[in-house]
């Protein structure tokens, strides 16, 4: 069993990782996550973020990002679920011209249909009252991707992403949630932001597992 990194060593490593991520130009991404709030969630936000998570499943994030603006245009910039439903044939055709996964495009249309039928106020109420359970009712949103969507909608959760799972294991923590809550409580950072910073750092440094283990070990030695 790996030795548990001390909270102080872990927080120090996190702050170094965050500094690196900021230097790489991802400050707006972090600010976006910091500002997210379920209370301020709009219909457009819900449709856009749900579509993003549906499309991200099993697909490289950086490739999807290059296509997502065109996909957004195909879905009328996510401005209205009823309008997407009314123009579903046109939206489907345009979207498939950009992203040729029929089942995922149909899943996005199904989310728009449900939102149009129930009304966004009811959808938001369901998210507030049922959280993850409601999100998993949506097509292409499973037990893991529900965490991704919940975080992008403003819920205070940590997604069990493979990068975060590996970091948690390397520093002796039993889960990404335990890892992020430990860091967040020590430096007064939202756990969703901690999640994002660690994930983004992992995408930028191929040796992120070794780096977190070595850095927390060095910090632990320094603080002893």
C-alpha atoms as a PDB file:
ATOM      1  CA  UNK A   1       0.000   0.000   0.000  1.00  0.00           C
ATOM      2  CA  UNK A   2       1.373   3.421  -0.939  1.00  0.00           C
ATOM      3  CA  UNK A   3       2.195   5.875   1.823  1.00  0.00           C
ATOM      4  CA  UNK A   4      -0.449   8.571   2.227  1.00  0.00           C
ATOM      5  CA  UNK A   5       0.817  11.998   1.195  1.00  0.00           C
ATOM      6  CA  UNK A   6       0.325  14.601   3.895  1.00  0.00           C
ATOM      7  CA  UNK A   7      -2.354  17.238   3.200  1.00  0.00           C
ATOM      8  CA  UNK A   8       0.302  19.970   3.278  1.00  0.00           C
ATOM      9  CA  UNK A   9       2.535  18.174   0.767  1.00  0.00           C
ATOM     10  CA  UNK A  10      -0.467  17.429  -1.418  1.00  0.00           C
ATOM     11  CA  UNK A  11      -1.661  21.050  -1.381  1.00  0.00           C
ATOM     12  CA  UNK A  12       1.842  22.276  -2.227  1.00  0.00           C
ATOM     13  CA  UNK A  13       2.049  19.922  -5.211  1.00  0.00           C
ATOM     14  CA  UNK A  14      -1.404  21.028  -6.330  1.00  0.00           C
ATOM     15  CA  UNK A  15      -0.473  24.711  -6.215  1.00  0.00           C
ATOM     16  CA  UNK A  16       2.650  24.007  -8.285  1.00  0.00           C
ATOM     17  CA  UNK A  17       0.518  22.117 -10.806  1.00  0.00           C
ATOM     18  CA  UNK A  18      -1.991  24.968 -10.913  1.00  0.00           C
ATOM     19  CA  UNK A  19       0.783  27.503 -11.504  1.00  0.00           C
ATOM     20  CA  UNK A  20       1.983  25.401 -14.443  1.00  0.00           C
ATOM     21  CA  UNK A  21      -1.538  25.126 -15.900  1.00  0.00           C
ATOM     22  CA  UNK A  22      -1.983  28.893 -15.628  1.00  0.00           C
ATOM     23  CA  UNK A  23       1.333  29.509 -17.380  1.00  0.00           C
ATOM     24  CA  UNK A  24       0.117  27.319 -20.234  1.00  0.00           C
ATOM     25  CA  UNK A  25      -2.792  29.714 -20.793  1.00  0.00           C
ATOM     26  CA  UNK A  26      -5.701  27.872 -19.176  1.00  0.00           C
ATOM     27  CA  UNK A  27      -6.686  30.668 -16.789  1.00  0.00           C
ATOM     28  CA  UNK A  28     -10.023  31.220 -18.547  1.00  0.00           C
ATOM     29  CA  UNK A  29     -10.873  27.534 -18.213  1.00  0.00           C
ATOM     30  CA  UNK A  30     -10.222  27.689 -14.465  1.00  0.00           C
ATOM     31  CA  UNK A  31     -12.174  30.943 -14.098  1.00  0.00           C
ATOM     32  CA  UNK A  32     -15.100  29.332 -15.959  1.00  0.00           C
ATOM     33  CA  UNK A  33     -15.162  26.404 -13.545  1.00  0.00           C
ATOM     34  CA  UNK A  34     -14.841  28.728 -10.549  1.00  0.00           C
ATOM     35  CA  UNK A  35     -17.835  30.792 -11.680  1.00  0.00           C
ATOM     36  CA  UNK A  36     -20.144  27.847 -12.422  1.00  0.00           C
ATOM     37  CA  UNK A  37     -23.286  27.694 -10.294  1.00  0.00           C
ATOM     38  CA  UNK A  38     -26.339  25.473 -10.641  1.00  0.00           C
ATOM     39  CA  UNK A  39     -28.444  28.392  -9.477  1.00  0.00           C
ATOM     40  CA  UNK A  40     -27.410  30.386 -12.568  1.00  0.00           C
ATOM     41  CA  UNK A  41     -27.829  27.494 -15.019  1.00  0.00           C
ATOM     42  CA  UNK A  42     -29.744  28.450 -18.189  1.00  0.00           C
ATOM     43  CA  UNK A  43     -31.421  26.307 -20.828  1.00  0.00           C
ATOM     44  CA  UNK A  44     -28.639  27.114 -23.263  1.00  0.00           C
ATOM     45  CA  UNK A  45     -25.994  26.109 -20.695  1.00  0.00           C
ATOM     46  CA  UNK A  46     -27.756  22.817 -20.040  1.00  0.00           C
ATOM     47  CA  UNK A  47     -28.142  21.892 -23.715  1.00  0.00           C
ATOM     48  CA  UNK A  48     -24.551  22.883 -24.580  1.00  0.00           C
ATOM     49  CA  UNK A  49     -22.860  21.119 -21.659  1.00  0.00           C
ATOM     50  CA  UNK A  50     -24.951  17.966 -22.037  1.00  0.00           C
ATOM     51  CA  UNK A  51     -24.094  17.817 -25.737  1.00  0.00           C
ATOM     52  CA  UNK A  52     -20.407  18.344 -24.929  1.00  0.00           C
ATOM     53  CA  UNK A  53     -20.337  15.447 -22.457  1.00  0.00           C
ATOM     54  CA  UNK A  54     -22.284  13.156 -24.800  1.00  0.00           C
ATOM     55  CA  UNK A  55     -19.845  13.851 -27.631  1.00  0.00           C
ATOM     56  CA  UNK A  56     -16.774  13.640 -25.369  1.00  0.00           C
ATOM     57  CA  UNK A  57     -17.505  10.047 -24.388  1.00  0.00           C
ATOM     58  CA  UNK A  58     -14.733   7.958 -25.923  1.00  0.00           C
ATOM     59  CA  UNK A  59     -13.468  10.914 -27.968  1.00  0.00           C
ATOM     60  CA  UNK A  60     -10.382  13.092 -27.548  1.00  0.00           C
ATOM     61  CA  UNK A  61     -11.267  16.437 -25.989  1.00  0.00           C
ATOM     62  CA  UNK A  62      -8.855  18.507 -28.083  1.00  0.00           C
ATOM     63  CA  UNK A  63     -10.246  17.130 -31.351  1.00  0.00           C
ATOM     64  CA  UNK A  64     -13.844  17.710 -30.288  1.00  0.00           C
ATOM     65  CA  UNK A  65     -13.043  21.269 -29.252  1.00  0.00           C
ATOM     66  CA  UNK A  66     -12.057  22.060 -32.835  1.00  0.00           C
ATOM     67  CA  UNK A  67     -15.409  20.779 -34.091  1.00  0.00           C
ATOM     68  CA  UNK A  68     -17.706  22.018 -31.353  1.00  0.00           C
ATOM     69  CA  UNK A  69     -18.373  25.500 -32.714  1.00  0.00           C
ATOM     70  CA  UNK A  70     -19.682  24.011 -35.961  1.00  0.00           C
ATOM     71  CA  UNK A  71     -21.765  21.522 -33.989  1.00  0.00           C
ATOM     72  CA  UNK A  72     -23.172  24.383 -31.908  1.00  0.00           C
ATOM     73  CA  UNK A  73     -24.172  26.224 -35.084  1.00  0.00           C
ATOM     74  CA  UNK A  74     -25.907  23.058 -36.315  1.00  0.00           C
ATOM     75  CA  UNK A  75     -27.938  23.027 -33.093  1.00  0.00           C
ATOM     76  CA  UNK A  76     -28.880  26.707 -33.375  1.00  0.00           C
ATOM     77  CA  UNK A  77     -26.268  27.756 -30.801  1.00  0.00           C
ATOM     78  CA  UNK A  78     -28.255  25.915 -28.096  1.00  0.00           C
ATOM     79  CA  UNK A  79     -30.587  28.885 -27.690  1.00  0.00           C
ATOM     80  CA  UNK A  80     -33.888  26.981 -27.551  1.00  0.00           C
ATOM     81  CA  UNK A  81     -34.825  23.330 -27.032  1.00  0.00           C
ATOM     82  CA  UNK A  82     -38.283  23.822 -28.632  1.00  0.00           C
ATOM     83  CA  UNK A  83     -36.660  25.396 -31.701  1.00  0.00           C
ATOM     84  CA  UNK A  84     -34.155  22.551 -32.033  1.00  0.00           C
ATOM     85  CA  UNK A  85     -37.066  20.115 -31.831  1.00  0.00           C
ATOM     86  CA  UNK A  86     -39.031  22.005 -34.473  1.00  0.00           C
ATOM     87  CA  UNK A  87     -36.006  21.999 -36.797  1.00  0.00           C
ATOM     88  CA  UNK A  88     -34.718  18.563 -35.798  1.00  0.00           C
ATOM     89  CA  UNK A  89     -34.253  17.274 -39.372  1.00  0.00           C
ATOM     90  CA  UNK A  90     -32.162  20.261 -40.358  1.00  0.00           C
ATOM     91  CA  UNK A  91     -30.202  20.166 -37.093  1.00  0.00           C
ATOM     92  CA  UNK A  92     -29.539  16.437 -37.464  1.00  0.00           C
ATOM     93  CA  UNK A  93     -28.330  16.768 -41.056  1.00  0.00           C
ATOM     94  CA  UNK A  94     -26.013  19.676 -40.294  1.00  0.00           C
ATOM     95  CA  UNK A  95     -24.635  18.050 -37.149  1.00  0.00           C
ATOM     96  CA  UNK A  96     -23.919  14.749 -38.903  1.00  0.00           C
ATOM     97  CA  UNK A  97     -22.012  16.693 -41.523  1.00  0.00           C
ATOM     98  CA  UNK A  98     -19.613  17.765 -38.764  1.00  0.00           C
ATOM     99  CA  UNK A  99     -19.684  14.771 -36.415  1.00  0.00           C
ATOM    100  CA  UNK A 100     -20.762  11.505 -38.006  1.00  0.00           C
ATOM    101  CA  UNK A 101     -21.830   9.543 -34.923  1.00  0.00           C
ATOM    102  CA  UNK A 102     -25.574   9.026 -35.489  1.00  0.00           C
ATOM    103  CA  UNK A 103     -26.374   7.661 -32.014  1.00  0.00           C
ATOM    104  CA  UNK A 104     -24.734  10.598 -30.251  1.00  0.00           C
ATOM    105  CA  UNK A 105     -26.472  13.154 -32.461  1.00  0.00           C
ATOM    106  CA  UNK A 106     -29.796  11.403 -31.795  1.00  0.00           C
ATOM    107  CA  UNK A 107     -29.021  11.488 -28.067  1.00  0.00           C
ATOM    108  CA  UNK A 108     -28.540  15.265 -28.213  1.00  0.00           C
ATOM    109  CA  UNK A 109     -31.837  15.623 -30.070  1.00  0.00           C
ATOM    110  CA  UNK A 110     -33.531  13.449 -27.439  1.00  0.00           C
ATOM    111  CA  UNK A 111     -32.262  15.740 -24.664  1.00  0.00           C
ATOM    112  CA  UNK A 112     -33.652  18.740 -26.553  1.00  0.00           C
ATOM    113  CA  UNK A 113     -36.974  16.923 -27.024  1.00  0.00           C
ATOM    114  CA  UNK A 114     -37.256  16.165 -23.316  1.00  0.00           C
ATOM    115  CA  UNK A 115     -36.338  19.705 -22.353  1.00  0.00           C
ATOM    116  CA  UNK A 116     -38.900  21.115 -24.797  1.00  0.00           C
ATOM    117  CA  UNK A 117     -41.601  18.722 -23.554  1.00  0.00           C
ATOM    118  CA  UNK A 118     -41.039  19.168 -19.798  1.00  0.00           C
ATOM    119  CA  UNK A 119     -39.855  22.779 -19.880  1.00  0.00           C
ATOM    120  CA  UNK A 120     -36.425  23.873 -18.698  1.00  0.00           C
ATOM    121  CA  UNK A 121     -37.754  25.007 -15.298  1.00  0.00           C
ATOM    122  CA  UNK A 122     -38.813  21.420 -14.579  1.00  0.00           C
ATOM    123  CA  UNK A 123     -35.528  19.997 -15.874  1.00  0.00           C
ATOM    124  CA  UNK A 124     -33.598  22.346 -13.599  1.00  0.00           C
ATOM    125  CA  UNK A 125     -35.815  21.430 -10.645  1.00  0.00           C
ATOM    126  CA  UNK A 126     -35.087  17.753 -11.282  1.00  0.00           C
ATOM    127  CA  UNK A 127     -31.345  18.417 -11.381  1.00  0.00           C
ATOM    128  CA  UNK A 128     -31.576  20.343  -8.110  1.00  0.00           C
ATOM    129  CA  UNK A 129     -33.673  17.700  -6.344  1.00  0.00           C
ATOM    130  CA  UNK A 130     -32.253  14.462  -7.795  1.00  0.00           C
ATOM    131  CA  UNK A 131     -28.787  15.464  -8.978  1.00  0.00           C
ATOM    132  CA  UNK A 132     -26.822  12.553 -10.414  1.00  0.00           C
ATOM    133  CA  UNK A 133     -29.838  10.219 -10.491  1.00  0.00           C
ATOM    134  CA  UNK A 134     -31.658  12.530 -12.908  1.00  0.00           C
ATOM    135  CA  UNK A 135     -28.620  13.108 -15.115  1.00  0.00           C
ATOM    136  CA  UNK A 136     -28.151   9.356 -15.565  1.00  0.00           C
ATOM    137  CA  UNK A 137     -31.625   9.176 -17.088  1.00  0.00           C
ATOM    138  CA  UNK A 138     -30.359  11.184 -20.058  1.00  0.00           C
ATOM    139  CA  UNK A 139     -29.197   9.251 -23.152  1.00  0.00           C
ATOM    140  CA  UNK A 140     -25.469   8.501 -23.341  1.00  0.00           C
ATOM    141  CA  UNK A 141     -24.964   9.707 -19.756  1.00  0.00           C
ATOM    142  CA  UNK A 142     -23.710   6.844 -17.621  1.00  0.00           C
ATOM    143  CA  UNK A 143     -22.469   6.502 -14.027  1.00  0.00           C
ATOM    144  CA  UNK A 144     -19.068   8.050 -14.844  1.00  0.00           C
ATOM    145  CA  UNK A 145     -20.061  10.635 -17.451  1.00  0.00           C
ATOM    146  CA  UNK A 146     -22.799  11.842 -15.089  1.00  0.00           C
ATOM    147  CA  UNK A 147     -20.041  13.182 -12.824  1.00  0.00           C
ATOM    148  CA  UNK A 148     -18.515  15.057 -15.769  1.00  0.00           C
ATOM    149  CA  UNK A 149     -21.876  16.593 -16.672  1.00  0.00           C
ATOM    150  CA  UNK A 150     -22.770  17.392 -13.064  1.00  0.00           C
ATOM    151  CA  UNK A 151     -19.481  19.249 -12.599  1.00  0.00           C
ATOM    152  CA  UNK A 152     -20.018  21.211 -15.826  1.00  0.00           C
ATOM    153  CA  UNK A 153     -23.500  22.226 -14.664  1.00  0.00           C
ATOM    154  CA  UNK A 154     -22.240  23.585 -11.358  1.00  0.00           C
ATOM    155  CA  UNK A 155     -22.765  20.688  -8.927  1.00  0.00           C
ATOM    156  CA  UNK A 156     -20.049  20.176  -6.338  1.00  0.00           C
ATOM    157  CA  UNK A 157     -18.769  16.771  -7.410  1.00  0.00           C
ATOM    158  CA  UNK A 158     -15.478  15.210  -8.458  1.00  0.00           C
ATOM    159  CA  UNK A 159     -15.473  12.985 -11.533  1.00  0.00           C
ATOM    160  CA  UNK A 160     -13.700   9.608 -11.243  1.00  0.00           C
ATOM    161  CA  UNK A 161     -11.670  10.336 -14.366  1.00  0.00           C
ATOM    162  CA  UNK A 162      -8.831   7.901 -15.101  1.00  0.00           C
ATOM    163  CA  UNK A 163      -6.226  10.655 -14.629  1.00  0.00           C
ATOM    164  CA  UNK A 164      -7.578  11.609 -11.208  1.00  0.00           C
ATOM    165  CA  UNK A 165      -7.879   7.958 -10.182  1.00  0.00           C
ATOM    166  CA  UNK A 166      -4.211   7.428 -11.050  1.00  0.00           C
ATOM    167  CA  UNK A 167      -3.056  10.541  -9.189  1.00  0.00           C
ATOM    168  CA  UNK A 168      -5.082   9.546  -6.114  1.00  0.00           C
ATOM    169  CA  UNK A 169      -3.539   6.077  -6.144  1.00  0.00           C
ATOM    170  CA  UNK A 170       0.007   7.366  -6.554  1.00  0.00           C
ATOM    171  CA  UNK A 171      -0.274   9.636  -3.501  1.00  0.00           C
ATOM    172  CA  UNK A 172      -2.057   7.048  -1.351  1.00  0.00           C
ATOM    173  CA  UNK A 173      -5.632   8.359  -1.429  1.00  0.00           C
ATOM    174  CA  UNK A 174      -8.566   6.000  -1.867  1.00  0.00           C
ATOM    175  CA  UNK A 175     -10.500   8.072  -4.407  1.00  0.00           C
ATOM    176  CA  UNK A 176     -10.400  11.275  -6.489  1.00  0.00           C
ATOM    177  CA  UNK A 177     -13.144  12.664  -4.249  1.00  0.00           C
ATOM    178  CA  UNK A 178     -11.016  12.152  -1.117  1.00  0.00           C
ATOM    179  CA  UNK A 179      -8.020  13.653  -2.923  1.00  0.00           C
ATOM    180  CA  UNK A 180      -9.839  16.791  -4.122  1.00  0.00           C
ATOM    181  CA  UNK A 181     -11.717  17.385  -0.878  1.00  0.00           C
ATOM    182  CA  UNK A 182      -8.484  17.184   1.101  1.00  0.00           C
ATOM    183  CA  UNK A 183      -6.832  19.794  -1.122  1.00  0.00           C
ATOM    184  CA  UNK A 184      -9.943  21.974  -1.327  1.00  0.00           C
ATOM    185  CA  UNK A 185     -10.467  22.117   2.415  1.00  0.00           C
ATOM    186  CA  UNK A 186      -6.855  23.126   3.041  1.00  0.00           C
ATOM    187  CA  UNK A 187      -6.642  25.962   0.506  1.00  0.00           C
ATOM    188  CA  UNK A 188     -10.334  26.966   0.329  1.00  0.00           C
ATOM    189  CA  UNK A 189     -10.708  25.932  -3.323  1.00  0.00           C
ATOM    190  CA  UNK A 190     -13.869  24.496  -4.892  1.00  0.00           C
ATOM    191  CA  UNK A 191     -13.445  20.754  -5.363  1.00  0.00           C
ATOM    192  CA  UNK A 192     -14.618  21.104  -8.966  1.00  0.00           C
ATOM    193  CA  UNK A 193     -11.733  23.512  -9.601  1.00  0.00           C
ATOM    194  CA  UNK A 194      -9.245  21.144  -7.922  1.00  0.00           C
ATOM    195  CA  UNK A 195     -10.588  18.374 -10.157  1.00  0.00           C
ATOM    196  CA  UNK A 196     -10.147  20.506 -13.279  1.00  0.00           C
ATOM    197  CA  UNK A 197      -6.615  21.640 -12.433  1.00  0.00           C
ATOM    198  CA  UNK A 198      -5.366  18.098 -11.766  1.00  0.00           C
ATOM    199  CA  UNK A 199      -7.052  16.779 -14.919  1.00  0.00           C
ATOM    200  CA  UNK A 200      -5.685  19.596 -17.083  1.00  0.00           C
ATOM    201  CA  UNK A 201      -2.189  19.156 -15.643  1.00  0.00           C
ATOM    202  CA  UNK A 202      -2.382  15.465 -16.489  1.00  0.00           C
ATOM    203  CA  UNK A 203      -3.226  16.270 -20.114  1.00  0.00           C
ATOM    204  CA  UNK A 204      -0.189  18.567 -20.306  1.00  0.00           C
ATOM    205  CA  UNK A 205       2.408  16.388 -18.583  1.00  0.00           C
ATOM    206  CA  UNK A 206       2.627  12.764 -19.814  1.00  0.00           C
ATOM    207  CA  UNK A 207       4.571  11.874 -16.641  1.00  0.00           C
ATOM    208  CA  UNK A 208       2.006  13.421 -14.302  1.00  0.00           C
ATOM    209  CA  UNK A 209       1.706  10.315 -12.081  1.00  0.00           C
ATOM    210  CA  UNK A 210       5.428  10.220 -11.357  1.00  0.00           C
ATOM    211  CA  UNK A 211       5.500  13.997 -10.914  1.00  0.00           C
ATOM    212  CA  UNK A 212       2.761  14.015  -8.260  1.00  0.00           C
ATOM    213  CA  UNK A 213       4.356  11.104  -6.395  1.00  0.00           C
ATOM    214  CA  UNK A 214       7.851  12.619  -6.467  1.00  0.00           C
ATOM    215  CA  UNK A 215       6.678  16.141  -5.610  1.00  0.00           C
ATOM    216  CA  UNK A 216       4.522  15.095  -2.664  1.00  0.00           C
ATOM    217  CA  UNK A 217       7.376  12.888  -1.394  1.00  0.00           C
ATOM    218  CA  UNK A 218       9.856  15.766  -1.591  1.00  0.00           C
ATOM    219  CA  UNK A 219       7.423  18.144   0.094  1.00  0.00           C
ATOM    220  CA  UNK A 220       6.731  15.618   2.841  1.00  0.00           C
ATOM    221  CA  UNK A 221      10.448  15.290   3.528  1.00  0.00           C
ATOM    222  CA  UNK A 222      10.847  19.065   3.577  1.00  0.00           C
ATOM    223  CA  UNK A 223       8.019  19.561   6.083  1.00  0.00           C
ATOM    224  CA  UNK A 224       9.231  16.835   8.449  1.00  0.00           C
END
